[in-house]
Amino acid sequence: MTAAQIGLGAPCVELPGREHHHAGEAEEPPLRLLLGKDAVAVVKDMADRLATQDAQWRHVSESVSV
């Protein structure tokens, strides 16, 4: 289930202008930035569920040669 499906809208926005970031700058700007009070928790929950699913199917993923 996505954040949008549970009525939270888009907790993550893509930031324009990354292509203009210079290698010598101290900090690399994020590709996506989580916004909103609950965004970090929602995305972490989604990532945890995805990691669990990946672990359950790891044997199948690793058995395929591409």
C-alpha atoms as a PDB file:
ATOM      1  CA  MET A   1       0.000   0.000   0.000  1.00  0.00           C
ATOM      2  CA  THR A   2       1.358   3.406  -0.915  1.00  0.00           C
ATOM      3  CA  ALA A   3       1.113   6.594   1.091  1.00  0.00           C
ATOM      4  CA  ALA A   4      -1.345   7.946  -1.466  1.00  0.00           C
ATOM      5  CA  GLN A   5      -3.540   4.858  -1.086  1.00  0.00           C
ATOM      6  CA  ILE A   6      -3.893   5.457   2.646  1.00  0.00           C
ATOM      7  CA  GLY A   7      -4.720   9.115   2.115  1.00  0.00           C
ATOM      8  CA  LEU A   8      -1.395  10.711   2.949  1.00  0.00           C
ATOM      9  CA  GLY A   9      -0.654  12.164  -0.453  1.00  0.00           C
ATOM     10  CA  ALA A  10       2.958  12.209  -1.584  1.00  0.00           C
ATOM     11  CA  PRO A  11       5.330  12.271   1.410  1.00  0.00           C
ATOM     12  CA  CYS A  12       8.316  12.446  -0.899  1.00  0.00           C
ATOM     13  CA  VAL A  13       9.192  15.037  -3.514  1.00  0.00           C
ATOM     14  CA  GLU A  14      11.882  14.898  -6.166  1.00  0.00           C
ATOM     15  CA  LEU A  15      14.144  17.906  -6.077  1.00  0.00           C
ATOM     16  CA  PRO A  16      15.096  19.615  -9.333  1.00  0.00           C
ATOM     17  CA  GLY A  17      18.584  20.845 -10.031  1.00  0.00           C
ATOM     18  CA  ARG A  18      20.664  17.914  -8.828  1.00  0.00           C
ATOM     19  CA  GLU A  19      22.422  17.949 -12.178  1.00  0.00           C
ATOM     20  CA  HIS A  20      23.827  21.391 -11.253  1.00  0.00           C
ATOM     21  CA  HIS A  21      25.450  20.167  -8.042  1.00  0.00           C
ATOM     22  CA  HIS A  22      29.225  20.537  -8.174  1.00  0.00           C
ATOM     23  CA  ALA A  23      31.483  17.690  -7.029  1.00  0.00           C
ATOM     24  CA  GLY A  24      33.518  20.047  -4.842  1.00  0.00           C
ATOM     25  CA  GLU A  25      30.554  21.082  -2.712  1.00  0.00           C
ATOM     26  CA  ALA A  26      30.578  19.687   0.816  1.00  0.00           C
ATOM     27  CA  GLU A  27      27.111  18.147   0.920  1.00  0.00           C
ATOM     28  CA  GLU A  28      25.194  16.350  -1.813  1.00  0.00           C
ATOM     29  CA  PRO A  29      21.532  17.383  -1.917  1.00  0.00           C
ATOM     30  CA  PRO A  30      19.015  14.523  -1.615  1.00  0.00           C
ATOM     31  CA  LEU A  31      17.376  13.106  -4.714  1.00  0.00           C
ATOM     32  CA  ARG A  32      14.116  12.918  -2.751  1.00  0.00           C
ATOM     33  CA  LEU A  33      13.152  14.760   0.409  1.00  0.00           C
ATOM     34  CA  LEU A  34      10.551  13.478   2.847  1.00  0.00           C
ATOM     35  CA  LEU A  35       8.160  16.241   3.863  1.00  0.00           C
ATOM     36  CA  GLY A  36       5.487  16.334   6.522  1.00  0.00           C
ATOM     37  CA  LYS A  37       5.202  15.296  10.133  1.00  0.00           C
ATOM     38  CA  ASP A  38       4.511  11.618   9.471  1.00  0.00           C
ATOM     39  CA  ALA A  39       6.418  11.179   6.206  1.00  0.00           C
ATOM     40  CA  VAL A  40       9.540   9.593   7.700  1.00  0.00           C
ATOM     41  CA  ALA A  41       7.541   7.041   9.702  1.00  0.00           C
ATOM     42  CA  VAL A  42       5.278   6.168   6.760  1.00  0.00           C
ATOM     43  CA  VAL A  43       8.174   5.686   4.357  1.00  0.00           C
ATOM     44  CA  LYS A  44      10.152   3.693   6.935  1.00  0.00           C
ATOM     45  CA  ASP A  45       7.168   1.384   7.410  1.00  0.00           C
ATOM     46  CA  MET A  46       6.889   0.942   3.640  1.00  0.00           C
ATOM     47  CA  ALA A  47      10.637   0.219   3.394  1.00  0.00           C
ATOM     48  CA  ASP A  48      10.459  -2.291   6.268  1.00  0.00           C
ATOM     49  CA  ARG A  49       7.599  -4.148   4.587  1.00  0.00           C
ATOM     50  CA  LEU A  50       9.500  -4.189   1.290  1.00  0.00           C
ATOM     51  CA  ALA A  51      12.639  -5.503   3.026  1.00  0.00           C
ATOM     52  CA  THR A  52      10.588  -8.281   4.654  1.00  0.00           C
ATOM     53  CA  GLN A  53       9.101  -9.225   1.297  1.00  0.00           C
ATOM     54  CA  ASP A  54      12.544  -9.171  -0.339  1.00  0.00           C
ATOM     55  CA  ALA A  55      13.931 -11.456   2.384  1.00  0.00           C
ATOM     56  CA  GLN A  56      11.059 -13.913   1.923  1.00  0.00           C
ATOM     57  CA  TRP A  57      11.700 -14.154  -1.824  1.00  0.00           C
ATOM     58  CA  ARG A  58      15.504 -13.858  -1.745  1.00  0.00           C
ATOM     59  CA  HIS A  59      16.016 -17.519  -2.649  1.00  0.00           C
ATOM     60  CA  VAL A  60      13.976 -17.038  -5.828  1.00  0.00           C
ATOM     61  CA  SER A  61      15.720 -13.779  -6.725  1.00  0.00           C
ATOM     62  CA  GLU A  62      19.150 -15.334  -6.321  1.00  0.00           C
ATOM     63  CA  SER A  63      18.213 -18.482  -8.261  1.00  0.00           C
ATOM     64  CA  VAL A  64      17.664 -16.558 -11.501  1.00  0.00           C
ATOM     65  CA  SER A  65      20.553 -15.771 -13.834  1.00  0.00           C
ATOM     66  CA  VAL A  66      20.094 -12.720 -16.009  1.00  0.00           C
END
